Amino acid sequence: MGGLTHPNDMNRAIESFKILHEHGEILLKKEIVAWAMANNWKEDDADQLGSLAQQIGEGKEAKFTGGPWWNENIYETWSRPRKV
């Protein structure tokens, strides 16, 4: 499970991290890798995801094709408190 092998998966990940970064979220590789590993990603795939997040979090360019991959208000959806 996990990984960014399909181009659409990579595009969604890039756009996700860009949206989070634009909203002031701090993207730490260590935290992203830990999240991915906790969600059953393989170690290499989790590391790739964490590296991508760190790159975008540092303001480096990462281009995606197609899209937009998320609805315009996706950040608001992500940041809503979850009901348990």
C-alpha atoms as a PDB file:
ATOM      1  CA  MET A   1       0.000   0.000   0.000  1.00  0.00           C
ATOM      2  CA  GLY A   2       1.139   3.562  -0.571  1.00  0.00           C
ATOM      3  CA  GLY A   3       3.731   4.854  -2.938  1.00  0.00           C
ATOM      4  CA  LEU A   4       3.776   7.371  -5.729  1.00  0.00           C
ATOM      5  CA  THR A   5       4.202   5.014  -8.672  1.00  0.00           C
ATOM      6  CA  HIS A   6       1.278   6.315 -10.696  1.00  0.00           C
ATOM      7  CA  PRO A   7       1.750   9.833 -12.152  1.00  0.00           C
ATOM      8  CA  ASN A   8      -1.628  10.908 -10.774  1.00  0.00           C
ATOM      9  CA  ASP A   9      -0.545   9.883  -7.269  1.00  0.00           C
ATOM     10  CA  MET A  10       2.587  12.010  -7.602  1.00  0.00           C
ATOM     11  CA  ASN A  11       0.575  14.945  -8.971  1.00  0.00           C
ATOM     12  CA  ARG A  12      -1.905  14.780  -6.083  1.00  0.00           C
ATOM     13  CA  ALA A  13       0.909  14.565  -3.535  1.00  0.00           C
ATOM     14  CA  ILE A  14       2.699  17.569  -5.023  1.00  0.00           C
ATOM     15  CA  GLU A  15      -0.461  19.644  -5.117  1.00  0.00           C
ATOM     16  CA  SER A  16      -1.366  18.534  -1.577  1.00  0.00           C
ATOM     17  CA  PHE A  17       1.965  19.648  -0.177  1.00  0.00           C
ATOM     18  CA  LYS A  18       1.804  22.924  -2.116  1.00  0.00           C
ATOM     19  CA  ILE A  19      -1.634  23.666  -0.673  1.00  0.00           C
ATOM     20  CA  LEU A  20      -0.460  22.856   2.848  1.00  0.00           C
ATOM     21  CA  HIS A  21       2.682  24.972   2.422  1.00  0.00           C
ATOM     22  CA  GLU A  22       0.682  27.913   1.038  1.00  0.00           C
ATOM     23  CA  HIS A  23      -1.487  27.787   4.167  1.00  0.00           C
ATOM     24  CA  GLY A  24       1.522  27.998   6.445  1.00  0.00           C
ATOM     25  CA  GLU A  25       1.762  24.337   7.391  1.00  0.00           C
ATOM     26  CA  ILE A  26       5.266  23.174   8.259  1.00  0.00           C
ATOM     27  CA  LEU A  27       6.209  20.119   6.229  1.00  0.00           C
ATOM     28  CA  LEU A  28       8.810  18.041   8.029  1.00  0.00           C
ATOM     29  CA  LYS A  29      10.181  14.991   6.276  1.00  0.00           C
ATOM     30  CA  LYS A  30      10.439  13.048   9.522  1.00  0.00           C
ATOM     31  CA  GLU A  31       6.752  13.586  10.328  1.00  0.00           C
ATOM     32  CA  ILE A  32       5.572  12.752   6.799  1.00  0.00           C
ATOM     33  CA  VAL A  33       7.657   9.560   6.746  1.00  0.00           C
ATOM     34  CA  ALA A  34       6.293   8.550  10.160  1.00  0.00           C
ATOM     35  CA  TRP A  35       2.715   9.149   8.974  1.00  0.00           C
ATOM     36  CA  ALA A  36       3.273   7.119   5.805  1.00  0.00           C
ATOM     37  CA  MET A  37       4.885   4.234   7.699  1.00  0.00           C
ATOM     38  CA  ALA A  38       1.989   4.247  10.195  1.00  0.00           C
ATOM     39  CA  ASN A  39      -0.338   3.945   7.188  1.00  0.00           C
ATOM     40  CA  ASN A  40       1.417   0.877   5.799  1.00  0.00           C
ATOM     41  CA  TRP A  41       3.651   2.512   3.205  1.00  0.00           C
ATOM     42  CA  LYS A  42       6.882   0.745   2.349  1.00  0.00           C
ATOM     43  CA  GLU A  43       9.951   2.431   3.788  1.00  0.00           C
ATOM     44  CA  ASP A  44      11.340   3.567   0.401  1.00  0.00           C
ATOM     45  CA  ASP A  45       7.973   4.964  -0.651  1.00  0.00           C
ATOM     46  CA  ALA A  46       7.525   6.747   2.683  1.00  0.00           C
ATOM     47  CA  ASP A  47      10.984   8.277   2.306  1.00  0.00           C
ATOM     48  CA  GLN A  48      10.140   9.475  -1.215  1.00  0.00           C
ATOM     49  CA  LEU A  49       6.952  11.110   0.085  1.00  0.00           C
ATOM     50  CA  GLY A  50       8.836  12.742   2.955  1.00  0.00           C
ATOM     51  CA  SER A  51      11.526  14.063   0.616  1.00  0.00           C
ATOM     52  CA  LEU A  52       8.877  15.539  -1.658  1.00  0.00           C
ATOM     53  CA  ALA A  53       7.192  17.238   1.301  1.00  0.00           C
ATOM     54  CA  GLN A  54      10.501  18.633   2.527  1.00  0.00           C
ATOM     55  CA  GLN A  55      11.342  19.973  -0.935  1.00  0.00           C
ATOM     56  CA  ILE A  56       8.040  21.809  -1.178  1.00  0.00           C
ATOM     57  CA  GLY A  57       8.218  22.910   2.470  1.00  0.00           C
ATOM     58  CA  GLU A  58      11.551  24.551   1.701  1.00  0.00           C
ATOM     59  CA  GLY A  59       9.901  26.500  -1.112  1.00  0.00           C
ATOM     60  CA  LYS A  60      11.557  24.541  -3.901  1.00  0.00           C
ATOM     61  CA  GLU A  61       9.631  24.060  -7.113  1.00  0.00           C
ATOM     62  CA  ALA A  62       7.874  20.795  -7.838  1.00  0.00           C
ATOM     63  CA  LYS A  63       5.715  20.773 -10.931  1.00  0.00           C
ATOM     64  CA  PHE A  64       2.628  18.696 -11.412  1.00  0.00           C
ATOM     65  CA  THR A  65       0.668  18.093 -14.562  1.00  0.00           C
ATOM     66  CA  GLY A  66      -3.029  18.223 -15.117  1.00  0.00           C
ATOM     67  CA  GLY A  67      -5.301  19.113 -12.323  1.00  0.00           C
ATOM     68  CA  PRO A  68      -6.278  20.851 -10.290  1.00  0.00           C
ATOM     69  CA  TRP A  69      -6.271  17.592  -8.345  1.00  0.00           C
ATOM     70  CA  TRP A  70      -8.267  18.886  -5.379  1.00  0.00           C
ATOM     71  CA  ASN A  71     -11.380  20.995  -4.938  1.00  0.00           C
ATOM     72  CA  GLU A  72     -10.811  24.691  -4.366  1.00  0.00           C
ATOM     73  CA  ASN A  73     -11.748  24.488  -0.674  1.00  0.00           C
ATOM     74  CA  ILE A  74      -9.874  21.276   0.156  1.00  0.00           C
ATOM     75  CA  TYR A  75      -7.691  22.897   2.816  1.00  0.00           C
ATOM     76  CA  GLU A  76     -10.767  23.940   4.758  1.00  0.00           C
ATOM     77  CA  THR A  77     -12.051  20.373   4.510  1.00  0.00           C
ATOM     78  CA  TRP A  78      -8.727  18.958   5.705  1.00  0.00           C
ATOM     79  CA  SER A  79      -8.475  21.386   8.609  1.00  0.00           C
ATOM     80  CA  ARG A  80     -11.976  20.791   9.996  1.00  0.00           C
ATOM     81  CA  PRO A  81     -11.997  19.012  13.356  1.00  0.00           C
ATOM     82  CA  ARG A  82     -12.951  15.358  12.999  1.00  0.00           C
ATOM     83  CA  LYS A  83     -15.953  13.980  14.774  1.00  0.00           C
ATOM     84  CA  VAL A  84     -15.198  10.832  16.711  1.00  0.00           C
END
